[in-house]
Amino acid sequence: AIARQTTAVLNLDGLLGKVCDLVLQTFPVDQVVVLLLDEDARLSVRAHKGKLTPILTQGAALPAGTGMGMRALEQSKTVVENEVAFVPHYMASFVETRSEMCVPLIFFGEKLGVLMLESAKPNNFAEEDVAPLESVADICAGAIQNAHYFEKAQQLAYIDGLTGIYNRRYFELEISSEIERASRYDGRLAIIMIDIDNFKRLNDEFGHLLGDEVLRQVSGAFGQQLRKVDVVCRYGGEEFAILVPQTSGGNAMEVAEKLRRMVEAYRFPGVPVKVTISAGVAEFPANGQTRDELVAAADAALYVSKERGRNRVSGASAARKTTA
């Protein structure tokens, strides 16, 4: 039953919650925790369920190389302590813990994390509990690795292969989500559509390899100038789309102008000509209330920038005046 129910879940967070539920239902424990190795080789709390009072919060990372969990992982074997009060330098994860079992999560030799079981009773774990819990941990490790693979495949589907930034598919998902959020909380949202000026001529004169390099360098420069919450995507060809959440049209114009000046002033290594960009800005809900309306408004503003000589930023209001 555990194998069937865990392998059916491919979302990692959903899977880890399911693992905690299933272990709580199957074994006499008060708390179940899943800790996974992070990029700094520390165990971090990714899920926990039960009735004990937590000391470690969701997402908290244990100091590298410390704790029973890391001992289990380093030794590649289950560690059991039936009275944690007697464990030297024991780091409590829950206030009431008296017994603890840490089972390593290992998939074909790759160490993923630890399944940690806690009890408020001393001497809660017997020798015969180890084998069935290790079997459960093996099943969970396989399911976690599958979820990792699925997560990576999803990420690749949303990444532009040339520049390494998000693609149009991801932008369309995100803008729909951000519009829904802004509508619900009466918030603001702006988008910036950007086009590299005279890109076709650059390709024709210097070749597509140089054109590709310009796309990579421009997209990298954008990423360095934007906030973490902003989303920059390659929309198609030499066009980029930037989602600027919780931002007015006026502030987004300032962001776009900063990007324009940065590109204009930058001397791209290996690029023998000056590179400039044009941009169009639109704001939700003033310039559009749906994804398509907002993109069309920003695109129209971008067209105005092109028509007025390129290397400039225009807002959707300017586009409306032009078409009026």
C-alpha atoms as a PDB file:
ATOM      1  CA  ALA A   1       0.000   0.000   0.000  1.00  0.00           C
ATOM      2  CA  ILE A   2       2.824   2.406   0.855  1.00  0.00           C
ATOM      3  CA  ALA A   3       4.591   1.706  -2.448  1.00  0.00           C
ATOM      4  CA  ARG A   4       1.394   2.241  -4.434  1.00  0.00           C
ATOM      5  CA  GLN A   5       0.462   5.464  -2.677  1.00  0.00           C
ATOM      6  CA  THR A   6       3.920   7.041  -2.770  1.00  0.00           C
ATOM      7  CA  THR A   7       4.826   6.240  -6.367  1.00  0.00           C
ATOM      8  CA  ALA A   8       1.517   7.759  -7.503  1.00  0.00           C
ATOM      9  CA  VAL A   9       2.583  11.230  -6.249  1.00  0.00           C
ATOM     10  CA  LEU A  10       5.118  13.104  -8.407  1.00  0.00           C
ATOM     11  CA  ASN A  11       4.986  16.518  -6.726  1.00  0.00           C
ATOM     12  CA  LEU A  12       7.812  16.476  -4.174  1.00  0.00           C
ATOM     13  CA  ASP A  13       6.093  18.481  -1.424  1.00  0.00           C
ATOM     14  CA  GLY A  14       2.905  16.455  -1.814  1.00  0.00           C
ATOM     15  CA  LEU A  15       4.909  13.225  -1.733  1.00  0.00           C
ATOM     16  CA  LEU A  16       6.772  14.103   1.471  1.00  0.00           C
ATOM     17  CA  GLY A  17       3.516  14.962   3.222  1.00  0.00           C
ATOM     18  CA  LYS A  18       2.059  11.639   2.063  1.00  0.00           C
ATOM     19  CA  VAL A  19       5.134   9.778   3.412  1.00  0.00           C
ATOM     20  CA  CYS A  20       4.643  11.360   6.846  1.00  0.00           C
ATOM     21  CA  ASP A  21       0.941  10.454   6.863  1.00  0.00           C
ATOM     22  CA  LEU A  22       1.537   6.837   5.852  1.00  0.00           C
ATOM     23  CA  VAL A  23       4.276   6.257   8.431  1.00  0.00           C
ATOM     24  CA  LEU A  24       2.141   7.809  11.189  1.00  0.00           C
ATOM     25  CA  GLN A  25      -0.743   5.510  10.240  1.00  0.00           C
ATOM     26  CA  THR A  26       1.421   2.385  10.071  1.00  0.00           C
ATOM     27  CA  PHE A  27       3.849   2.642  13.002  1.00  0.00           C
ATOM     28  CA  PRO A  28       3.434   3.601  16.694  1.00  0.00           C
ATOM     29  CA  VAL A  29       5.226   6.950  16.583  1.00  0.00           C
ATOM     30  CA  ASP A  30       4.248  10.486  17.567  1.00  0.00           C
ATOM     31  CA  GLN A  31       6.061  12.443  14.892  1.00  0.00           C
ATOM     32  CA  VAL A  32       7.534  11.811  11.434  1.00  0.00           C
ATOM     33  CA  VAL A  33      10.046  14.109   9.769  1.00  0.00           C
ATOM     34  CA  VAL A  34      11.590  13.996   6.299  1.00  0.00           C
ATOM     35  CA  LEU A  35      14.928  15.751   5.997  1.00  0.00           C
ATOM     36  CA  LEU A  36      16.624  16.102   2.604  1.00  0.00           C
ATOM     37  CA  LEU A  37      20.186  17.077   1.776  1.00  0.00           C
ATOM     38  CA  ASP A  38      20.469  20.620   0.443  1.00  0.00           C
ATOM     39  CA  GLU A  39      23.115  22.119  -1.852  1.00  0.00           C
ATOM     40  CA  ASP A  40      25.373  22.822   1.144  1.00  0.00           C
ATOM     41  CA  ALA A  41      25.295  19.153   2.262  1.00  0.00           C
ATOM     42  CA  ARG A  42      23.065  20.007   5.229  1.00  0.00           C
ATOM     43  CA  LEU A  43      19.899  18.195   6.194  1.00  0.00           C
ATOM     44  CA  SER A  44      16.897  20.498   5.982  1.00  0.00           C
ATOM     45  CA  VAL A  45      13.370  19.877   7.235  1.00  0.00           C
ATOM     46  CA  ARG A  46      11.161  19.379   4.177  1.00  0.00           C
ATOM     47  CA  ALA A  47       8.079  17.874   5.871  1.00  0.00           C
ATOM     48  CA  HIS A  48       6.910  16.895   9.340  1.00  0.00           C
ATOM     49  CA  LYS A  49       3.644  15.703  10.820  1.00  0.00           C
ATOM     50  CA  GLY A  50       2.519  14.517  14.229  1.00  0.00           C
ATOM     51  CA  LYS A  51       1.513  15.748  17.650  1.00  0.00           C
ATOM     52  CA  LEU A  52       4.819  16.850  19.190  1.00  0.00           C
ATOM     53  CA  THR A  53       5.840  20.479  19.673  1.00  0.00           C
ATOM     54  CA  PRO A  54       8.405  21.454  17.016  1.00  0.00           C
ATOM     55  CA  ILE A  55      11.675  23.202  17.775  1.00  0.00           C
ATOM     56  CA  LEU A  56      12.919  22.996  14.188  1.00  0.00           C
ATOM     57  CA  THR A  57      10.615  24.721  11.734  1.00  0.00           C
ATOM     58  CA  GLN A  58       9.800  23.815   8.141  1.00  0.00           C
ATOM     59  CA  GLY A  59      12.786  24.570   5.939  1.00  0.00           C
ATOM     60  CA  ALA A  60      15.255  24.793   8.842  1.00  0.00           C
ATOM     61  CA  ALA A  61      18.681  23.296   8.147  1.00  0.00           C
ATOM     62  CA  LEU A  62      20.753  21.344  10.653  1.00  0.00           C
ATOM     63  CA  PRO A  63      24.398  22.395  11.015  1.00  0.00           C
ATOM     64  CA  ALA A  64      26.550  20.377   8.600  1.00  0.00           C
ATOM     65  CA  GLY A  65      27.886  17.098   9.983  1.00  0.00           C
ATOM     66  CA  THR A  66      25.836  17.144  13.195  1.00  0.00           C
ATOM     67  CA  GLY A  67      22.865  15.290  14.689  1.00  0.00           C
ATOM     68  CA  MET A  68      21.548  11.749  14.646  1.00  0.00           C
ATOM     69  CA  GLY A  69      20.173  12.164  11.152  1.00  0.00           C
ATOM     70  CA  MET A  70      23.563  13.039   9.690  1.00  0.00           C
ATOM     71  CA  ARG A  71      25.141  10.189  11.635  1.00  0.00           C
ATOM     72  CA  ALA A  72      22.664   7.765  10.056  1.00  0.00           C
ATOM     73  CA  LEU A  73      23.335   9.166   6.605  1.00  0.00           C
ATOM     74  CA  GLU A  74      27.108   9.155   6.944  1.00  0.00           C
ATOM     75  CA  GLN A  75      27.099   5.567   8.245  1.00  0.00           C
ATOM     76  CA  SER A  76      24.414   4.487   5.719  1.00  0.00           C
ATOM     77  CA  LYS A  77      22.560   2.672   8.484  1.00  0.00           C
ATOM     78  CA  THR A  78      19.678   3.214  10.855  1.00  0.00           C
ATOM     79  CA  VAL A  79      20.461   4.921  14.174  1.00  0.00           C
ATOM     80  CA  VAL A  80      18.181   4.332  17.174  1.00  0.00           C
ATOM     81  CA  GLU A  81      18.275   6.077  20.541  1.00  0.00           C
ATOM     82  CA  ASN A  82      15.646   5.003  23.062  1.00  0.00           C
ATOM     83  CA  GLU A  83      16.492   7.690  25.600  1.00  0.00           C
ATOM     84  CA  VAL A  84      17.749  10.846  23.964  1.00  0.00           C
ATOM     85  CA  ALA A  85      18.525  12.422  27.337  1.00  0.00           C
ATOM     86  CA  PHE A  86      21.582  10.161  27.471  1.00  0.00           C
ATOM     87  CA  VAL A  87      22.853  11.090  24.002  1.00  0.00           C
ATOM     88  CA  PRO A  88      25.866  13.444  24.175  1.00  0.00           C
ATOM     89  CA  HIS A  89      25.258  16.787  22.415  1.00  0.00           C
ATOM     90  CA  TYR A  90      21.770  15.672  21.360  1.00  0.00           C
ATOM     91  CA  MET A  91      19.964  18.350  19.331  1.00  0.00           C
ATOM     92  CA  ALA A  92      16.241  18.123  19.979  1.00  0.00           C
ATOM     93  CA  SER A  93      13.897  18.686  17.062  1.00  0.00           C
ATOM     94  CA  PHE A  94      10.741  18.389  19.198  1.00  0.00           C
ATOM     95  CA  VAL A  95      10.143  19.341  22.818  1.00  0.00           C
ATOM     96  CA  GLU A  96       8.678  16.041  24.052  1.00  0.00           C
ATOM     97  CA  THR A  97      10.994  13.601  22.232  1.00  0.00           C
ATOM     98  CA  ARG A  98      12.298  10.717  24.336  1.00  0.00           C
ATOM     99  CA  SER A  99      13.030   8.112  21.619  1.00  0.00           C
ATOM    100  CA  GLU A 100      14.252   8.702  18.092  1.00  0.00           C
ATOM    101  CA  MET A 101      14.973   6.569  15.037  1.00  0.00           C
ATOM    102  CA  CYS A 102      16.769   7.918  11.960  1.00  0.00           C
ATOM    103  CA  VAL A 103      16.596   5.854   8.784  1.00  0.00           C
ATOM    104  CA  PRO A 104      18.761   6.949   5.833  1.00  0.00           C
ATOM    105  CA  LEU A 105      17.050   7.562   2.502  1.00  0.00           C
ATOM    106  CA  ILE A 106      19.408   6.118  -0.115  1.00  0.00           C
ATOM    107  CA  PHE A 107      18.560   5.342  -3.746  1.00  0.00           C
ATOM    108  CA  PHE A 108      21.072   3.211  -5.661  1.00  0.00           C
ATOM    109  CA  GLY A 109      23.918   4.570  -3.563  1.00  0.00           C
ATOM    110  CA  GLU A 110      22.824   8.212  -3.753  1.00  0.00           C
ATOM    111  CA  LYS A 111      22.194   9.697  -0.333  1.00  0.00           C
ATOM    112  CA  LEU A 112      19.017  11.786  -0.426  1.00  0.00           C
ATOM    113  CA  GLY A 113      18.137  12.429   3.204  1.00  0.00           C
ATOM    114  CA  VAL A 114      16.733  10.878   6.362  1.00  0.00           C
ATOM    115  CA  LEU A 115      13.380   9.596   7.580  1.00  0.00           C
ATOM    116  CA  MET A 116      13.218  10.563  11.250  1.00  0.00           C
ATOM    117  CA  LEU A 117      10.692   9.056  13.677  1.00  0.00           C
ATOM    118  CA  GLU A 118      10.060  10.523  17.114  1.00  0.00           C
ATOM    119  CA  SER A 119       8.239   9.273  20.196  1.00  0.00           C
ATOM    120  CA  ALA A 120       7.371  10.911  23.513  1.00  0.00           C
ATOM    121  CA  LYS A 121       7.884   7.516  25.164  1.00  0.00           C
ATOM    122  CA  PRO A 122      11.283   6.176  26.203  1.00  0.00           C
ATOM    123  CA  ASN A 123      12.258   2.760  24.772  1.00  0.00           C
ATOM    124  CA  ASN A 124       9.686   3.078  21.996  1.00  0.00           C
ATOM    125  CA  PHE A 125      11.719   1.328  19.294  1.00  0.00           C
ATOM    126  CA  ALA A 126      12.572  -2.368  19.280  1.00  0.00           C
ATOM    127  CA  GLU A 127      15.117  -4.207  17.144  1.00  0.00           C
ATOM    128  CA  GLU A 128      12.344  -5.775  15.078  1.00  0.00           C
ATOM    129  CA  ASP A 129      11.075  -2.297  14.079  1.00  0.00           C
ATOM    130  CA  VAL A 130      14.218  -1.529  12.106  1.00  0.00           C
ATOM    131  CA  ALA A 131      13.784  -3.852   9.105  1.00  0.00           C
ATOM    132  CA  PRO A 132      10.193  -2.838   8.200  1.00  0.00           C
ATOM    133  CA  LEU A 133      11.039   0.852   8.559  1.00  0.00           C
ATOM    134  CA  GLU A 134      14.109   0.420   6.364  1.00  0.00           C
ATOM    135  CA  SER A 135      11.890  -1.212   3.740  1.00  0.00           C
ATOM    136  CA  VAL A 136       9.546   1.782   3.903  1.00  0.00           C
ATOM    137  CA  ALA A 137      12.531   4.139   3.641  1.00  0.00           C
ATOM    138  CA  ASP A 138      13.765   2.311   0.516  1.00  0.00           C
ATOM    139  CA  ILE A 139      10.346   2.706  -1.121  1.00  0.00           C
ATOM    140  CA  CYS A 140      10.218   6.378  -0.131  1.00  0.00           C
ATOM    141  CA  ALA A 141      13.748   7.021  -1.435  1.00  0.00           C
ATOM    142  CA  GLY A 142      12.750   5.676  -4.849  1.00  0.00           C
ATOM    143  CA  ALA A 143       9.600   7.797  -4.876  1.00  0.00           C
ATOM    144  CA  ILE A 144      11.571  10.912  -3.814  1.00  0.00           C
ATOM    145  CA  GLN A 145      14.085  10.368  -6.603  1.00  0.00           C
ATOM    146  CA  ASN A 146      11.248   9.958  -9.106  1.00  0.00           C
ATOM    147  CA  ALA A 147       9.751  13.216  -7.859  1.00  0.00           C
ATOM    148  CA  HIS A 148      13.153  14.897  -8.275  1.00  0.00           C
ATOM    149  CA  TYR A 149      13.351  13.628 -11.870  1.00  0.00           C
ATOM    150  CA  PHE A 150       9.809  14.840 -12.567  1.00  0.00           C
ATOM    151  CA  GLU A 151      10.584  18.249 -11.045  1.00  0.00           C
ATOM    152  CA  LYS A 152      13.714  18.603 -13.194  1.00  0.00           C
ATOM    153  CA  ALA A 153      11.824  17.554 -16.328  1.00  0.00           C
ATOM    154  CA  GLN A 154       9.174  20.181 -15.580  1.00  0.00           C
ATOM    155  CA  GLN A 155      11.844  22.819 -15.088  1.00  0.00           C
ATOM    156  CA  LEU A 156      13.484  21.913 -18.398  1.00  0.00           C
ATOM    157  CA  ALA A 157      10.133  22.271 -20.159  1.00  0.00           C
ATOM    158  CA  TYR A 158      10.011  25.890 -18.981  1.00  0.00           C
ATOM    159  CA  ILE A 159      13.634  26.829 -19.741  1.00  0.00           C
ATOM    160  CA  ASP A 160      14.892  28.357 -22.975  1.00  0.00           C
ATOM    161  CA  GLY A 161      17.724  26.173 -24.236  1.00  0.00           C
ATOM    162  CA  LEU A 162      19.838  29.015 -25.637  1.00  0.00           C
ATOM    163  CA  THR A 163      19.749  31.586 -22.839  1.00  0.00           C
ATOM    164  CA  GLY A 164      18.969  29.438 -19.793  1.00  0.00           C
ATOM    165  CA  ILE A 165      16.151  31.758 -18.710  1.00  0.00           C
ATOM    166  CA  TYR A 166      12.430  30.946 -18.654  1.00  0.00           C
ATOM    167  CA  ASN A 167      10.563  30.531 -21.934  1.00  0.00           C
ATOM    168  CA  ARG A 168       7.242  31.786 -23.257  1.00  0.00           C
ATOM    169  CA  ARG A 169       5.315  28.816 -21.889  1.00  0.00           C
ATOM    170  CA  TYR A 170       6.458  29.646 -18.352  1.00  0.00           C
ATOM    171  CA  PHE A 171       5.680  33.349 -18.832  1.00  0.00           C
ATOM    172  CA  GLU A 172       2.119  32.555 -19.885  1.00  0.00           C
ATOM    173  CA  LEU A 173       1.594  30.365 -16.816  1.00  0.00           C
ATOM    174  CA  GLU A 174       3.080  32.935 -14.470  1.00  0.00           C
ATOM    175  CA  ILE A 175       1.256  35.954 -15.845  1.00  0.00           C
ATOM    176  CA  SER A 176      -2.078  34.142 -15.509  1.00  0.00           C
ATOM    177  CA  SER A 177      -1.221  33.260 -11.913  1.00  0.00           C
ATOM    178  CA  GLU A 178      -0.077  36.802 -11.091  1.00  0.00           C
ATOM    179  CA  ILE A 179      -3.214  38.352 -12.648  1.00  0.00           C
ATOM    180  CA  GLU A 180      -5.356  36.070 -10.503  1.00  0.00           C
ATOM    181  CA  ARG A 181      -3.375  37.036  -7.398  1.00  0.00           C
ATOM    182  CA  ALA A 182      -3.521  40.752  -8.183  1.00  0.00           C
ATOM    183  CA  SER A 183      -7.278  40.505  -8.804  1.00  0.00           C
ATOM    184  CA  ARG A 184      -7.891  38.718  -5.525  1.00  0.00           C
ATOM    185  CA  TYR A 185      -5.873  41.113  -3.387  1.00  0.00           C
ATOM    186  CA  ASP A 186      -6.528  44.311  -5.346  1.00  0.00           C
ATOM    187  CA  GLY A 187      -2.854  44.431  -6.239  1.00  0.00           C
ATOM    188  CA  ARG A 188      -0.796  45.787  -9.101  1.00  0.00           C
ATOM    189  CA  LEU A 189       1.172  44.038 -11.783  1.00  0.00           C
ATOM    190  CA  ALA A 190       3.191  45.272 -14.757  1.00  0.00           C
ATOM    191  CA  ILE A 191       4.841  43.625 -17.721  1.00  0.00           C
ATOM    192  CA  ILE A 192       7.697  44.825 -19.891  1.00  0.00           C
ATOM    193  CA  MET A 193       8.104  43.617 -23.461  1.00  0.00           C
ATOM    194  CA  ILE A 194      11.641  44.149 -24.799  1.00  0.00           C
ATOM    195  CA  ASP A 195      13.102  43.772 -28.263  1.00  0.00           C
ATOM    196  CA  ILE A 196      16.787  43.923 -29.256  1.00  0.00           C
ATOM    197  CA  ASP A 197      17.086  46.661 -31.859  1.00  0.00           C
ATOM    198  CA  ASN A 198      18.250  45.779 -35.382  1.00  0.00           C
ATOM    199  CA  PHE A 199      18.824  42.185 -34.364  1.00  0.00           C
ATOM    200  CA  LYS A 200      18.183  40.809 -37.859  1.00  0.00           C
ATOM    201  CA  ARG A 201      20.857  43.088 -39.310  1.00  0.00           C
ATOM    202  CA  LEU A 202      23.290  41.971 -36.600  1.00  0.00           C
ATOM    203  CA  ASN A 203      22.586  38.329 -37.515  1.00  0.00           C
ATOM    204  CA  ASP A 204      22.950  39.016 -41.232  1.00  0.00           C
ATOM    205  CA  GLU A 205      26.219  40.939 -40.915  1.00  0.00           C
ATOM    206  CA  PHE A 206      28.001  38.959 -38.201  1.00  0.00           C
ATOM    207  CA  GLY A 207      26.321  35.550 -38.216  1.00  0.00           C
ATOM    208  CA  HIS A 208      23.921  33.656 -35.999  1.00  0.00           C
ATOM    209  CA  LEU A 209      26.611  32.547 -33.551  1.00  0.00           C
ATOM    210  CA  LEU A 210      27.247  36.160 -32.601  1.00  0.00           C
ATOM    211  CA  GLY A 211      23.494  36.787 -32.486  1.00  0.00           C
ATOM    212  CA  ASP A 212      23.101  33.876 -30.077  1.00  0.00           C
ATOM    213  CA  GLU A 213      25.864  35.282 -27.896  1.00  0.00           C
ATOM    214  CA  VAL A 214      24.119  38.660 -27.746  1.00  0.00           C
ATOM    215  CA  LEU A 215      20.887  36.955 -26.654  1.00  0.00           C
ATOM    216  CA  ARG A 216      22.734  35.123 -23.890  1.00  0.00           C
ATOM    217  CA  GLN A 217      24.551  38.216 -22.645  1.00  0.00           C
ATOM    218  CA  VAL A 218      21.478  40.449 -22.732  1.00  0.00           C
ATOM    219  CA  SER A 219      19.356  37.934 -20.843  1.00  0.00           C
ATOM    220  CA  GLY A 220      22.117  37.482 -18.248  1.00  0.00           C
ATOM    221  CA  ALA A 221      22.391  41.247 -17.799  1.00  0.00           C
ATOM    222  CA  PHE A 222      18.629  41.508 -17.246  1.00  0.00           C
ATOM    223  CA  GLY A 223      18.768  38.865 -14.521  1.00  0.00           C
ATOM    224  CA  GLN A 224      21.452  40.791 -12.624  1.00  0.00           C
ATOM    225  CA  GLN A 225      19.398  44.004 -12.586  1.00  0.00           C
ATOM    226  CA  LEU A 226      15.999  42.619 -11.547  1.00  0.00           C
ATOM    227  CA  ARG A 227      14.502  41.614  -8.198  1.00  0.00           C
ATOM    228  CA  LYS A 228      14.143  37.962  -7.244  1.00  0.00           C
ATOM    229  CA  VAL A 229      10.362  38.187  -7.600  1.00  0.00           C
ATOM    230  CA  ASP A 230      10.605  39.515 -11.154  1.00  0.00           C
ATOM    231  CA  VAL A 231      10.399  36.950 -13.936  1.00  0.00           C
ATOM    232  CA  VAL A 232      12.407  37.418 -17.139  1.00  0.00           C
ATOM    233  CA  CYS A 233      11.595  35.172 -20.099  1.00  0.00           C
ATOM    234  CA  ARG A 234      12.632  34.802 -23.687  1.00  0.00           C
ATOM    235  CA  TYR A 235       9.340  35.390 -25.428  1.00  0.00           C
ATOM    236  CA  GLY A 236      10.535  34.473 -28.901  1.00  0.00           C
ATOM    237  CA  GLY A 237      13.375  35.362 -31.263  1.00  0.00           C
ATOM    238  CA  GLU A 238      15.007  38.532 -29.953  1.00  0.00           C
ATOM    239  CA  GLU A 239      12.009  39.481 -27.786  1.00  0.00           C
ATOM    240  CA  PHE A 240      11.914  39.239 -23.996  1.00  0.00           C
ATOM    241  CA  ALA A 241       9.008  39.491 -21.573  1.00  0.00           C
ATOM    242  CA  ILE A 242       9.463  40.563 -17.967  1.00  0.00           C
ATOM    243  CA  LEU A 243       6.816  40.098 -15.295  1.00  0.00           C
ATOM    244  CA  VAL A 244       7.075  42.725 -12.538  1.00  0.00           C
ATOM    245  CA  PRO A 245       4.708  41.790  -9.679  1.00  0.00           C
ATOM    246  CA  GLN A 246       3.380  44.290  -7.124  1.00  0.00           C
ATOM    247  CA  THR A 247       4.553  47.181  -9.287  1.00  0.00           C
ATOM    248  CA  SER A 248       2.770  50.133 -10.883  1.00  0.00           C
ATOM    249  CA  GLY A 249       3.147  51.028 -14.531  1.00  0.00           C
ATOM    250  CA  GLY A 250       5.178  54.092 -13.589  1.00  0.00           C
ATOM    251  CA  ASN A 251       7.642  52.105 -11.519  1.00  0.00           C
ATOM    252  CA  ALA A 252       7.866  49.469 -14.264  1.00  0.00           C
ATOM    253  CA  MET A 253       8.741  52.262 -16.716  1.00  0.00           C
ATOM    254  CA  GLU A 254      11.643  53.159 -14.417  1.00  0.00           C
ATOM    255  CA  VAL A 255      12.761  49.510 -14.360  1.00  0.00           C
ATOM    256  CA  ALA A 256      12.596  49.330 -18.154  1.00  0.00           C
ATOM    257  CA  GLU A 257      14.524  52.581 -18.526  1.00  0.00           C
ATOM    258  CA  LYS A 258      17.214  51.286 -16.167  1.00  0.00           C
ATOM    259  CA  LEU A 259      17.555  48.164 -18.325  1.00  0.00           C
ATOM    260  CA  ARG A 260      17.651  50.258 -21.498  1.00  0.00           C
ATOM    261  CA  ARG A 261      20.451  52.474 -20.151  1.00  0.00           C
ATOM    262  CA  MET A 262      22.366  49.475 -18.886  1.00  0.00           C
ATOM    263  CA  VAL A 263      22.316  47.744 -22.283  1.00  0.00           C
ATOM    264  CA  GLU A 264      23.161  50.972 -24.120  1.00  0.00           C
ATOM    265  CA  ALA A 265      26.202  51.606 -21.910  1.00  0.00           C
ATOM    266  CA  TYR A 266      27.427  48.015 -21.817  1.00  0.00           C
ATOM    267  CA  ARG A 267      30.160  46.848 -24.169  1.00  0.00           C
ATOM    268  CA  PHE A 268      29.357  43.227 -24.855  1.00  0.00           C
ATOM    269  CA  PRO A 269      32.537  41.100 -25.052  1.00  0.00           C
ATOM    270  CA  GLY A 270      33.160  39.873 -28.590  1.00  0.00           C
ATOM    271  CA  VAL A 271      30.353  41.998 -30.070  1.00  0.00           C
ATOM    272  CA  PRO A 272      31.751  44.606 -32.520  1.00  0.00           C
ATOM    273  CA  VAL A 273      28.632  46.788 -32.642  1.00  0.00           C
ATOM    274  CA  LYS A 274      26.598  48.756 -30.131  1.00  0.00           C
ATOM    275  CA  VAL A 275      23.560  46.882 -28.813  1.00  0.00           C
ATOM    276  CA  THR A 276      20.391  48.705 -27.761  1.00  0.00           C
ATOM    277  CA  ILE A 277      16.874  47.676 -26.787  1.00  0.00           C
ATOM    278  CA  SER A 278      13.367  49.058 -27.112  1.00  0.00           C
ATOM    279  CA  ALA A 279      10.673  48.390 -24.520  1.00  0.00           C
ATOM    280  CA  GLY A 280       6.933  48.649 -23.988  1.00  0.00           C
ATOM    281  CA  VAL A 281       5.237  48.665 -20.590  1.00  0.00           C
ATOM    282  CA  ALA A 282       1.675  47.783 -19.593  1.00  0.00           C
ATOM    283  CA  GLU A 283      -0.011  47.705 -16.198  1.00  0.00           C
ATOM    284  CA  PHE A 284      -2.792  45.528 -14.768  1.00  0.00           C
ATOM    285  CA  PRO A 285      -5.641  46.373 -14.566  1.00  0.00           C
ATOM    286  CA  ALA A 286      -5.369  49.812 -16.192  1.00  0.00           C
ATOM    287  CA  ASN A 287      -4.108  48.575 -19.579  1.00  0.00           C
ATOM    288  CA  GLY A 288      -5.649  45.110 -19.663  1.00  0.00           C
ATOM    289  CA  GLN A 289      -7.524  42.698 -17.444  1.00  0.00           C
ATOM    290  CA  THR A 290      -6.550  39.416 -19.106  1.00  0.00           C
ATOM    291  CA  ARG A 291      -3.234  37.928 -20.121  1.00  0.00           C
ATOM    292  CA  ASP A 292      -3.834  38.555 -23.822  1.00  0.00           C
ATOM    293  CA  GLU A 293      -4.997  42.135 -23.271  1.00  0.00           C
ATOM    294  CA  LEU A 294      -1.993  42.968 -21.135  1.00  0.00           C
ATOM    295  CA  VAL A 295       0.519  41.442 -23.560  1.00  0.00           C
ATOM    296  CA  ALA A 296      -1.175  43.191 -26.507  1.00  0.00           C
ATOM    297  CA  ALA A 297      -0.968  46.532 -24.667  1.00  0.00           C
ATOM    298  CA  ALA A 298       2.739  46.089 -23.893  1.00  0.00           C
ATOM    299  CA  ASP A 299       3.407  44.943 -27.457  1.00  0.00           C
ATOM    300  CA  ALA A 300       1.671  48.038 -28.813  1.00  0.00           C
ATOM    301  CA  ALA A 301       3.820  50.204 -26.556  1.00  0.00           C
ATOM    302  CA  LEU A 302       6.918  48.377 -27.802  1.00  0.00           C
ATOM    303  CA  TYR A 303       5.842  49.119 -31.380  1.00  0.00           C
ATOM    304  CA  VAL A 304       5.653  52.823 -30.482  1.00  0.00           C
ATOM    305  CA  SER A 305       9.231  52.694 -29.191  1.00  0.00           C
ATOM    306  CA  LYS A 306      10.317  51.142 -32.465  1.00  0.00           C
ATOM    307  CA  GLU A 307       8.412  53.677 -34.535  1.00  0.00           C
ATOM    308  CA  ARG A 308       9.925  56.591 -32.625  1.00  0.00           C
ATOM    309  CA  GLY A 309      13.485  55.588 -33.441  1.00  0.00           C
ATOM    310  CA  ARG A 310      14.243  52.606 -31.164  1.00  0.00           C
ATOM    311  CA  ASN A 311      16.418  52.587 -28.012  1.00  0.00           C
ATOM    312  CA  ARG A 312      13.580  53.970 -25.902  1.00  0.00           C
ATOM    313  CA  VAL A 313      10.795  52.960 -23.490  1.00  0.00           C
ATOM    314  CA  SER A 314       7.086  53.624 -24.053  1.00  0.00           C
ATOM    315  CA  GLY A 315       4.064  53.011 -21.890  1.00  0.00           C
ATOM    316  CA  ALA A 316       0.703  51.611 -22.955  1.00  0.00           C
ATOM    317  CA  SER A 317      -0.870  55.053 -22.526  1.00  0.00           C
ATOM    318  CA  ALA A 318       1.455  56.398 -25.251  1.00  0.00           C
ATOM    319  CA  ALA A 319       0.400  53.553 -27.521  1.00  0.00           C
ATOM    320  CA  ARG A 320      -3.279  54.427 -27.028  1.00  0.00           C
ATOM    321  CA  LYS A 321      -2.632  58.072 -27.956  1.00  0.00           C
ATOM    322  CA  THR A 322      -0.777  56.972 -31.097  1.00  0.00           C
ATOM    323  CA  THR A 323      -3.643  54.777 -32.280  1.00  0.00           C
ATOM    324  CA  ALA A 324      -6.344  57.257 -31.308  1.00  0.00           C
END
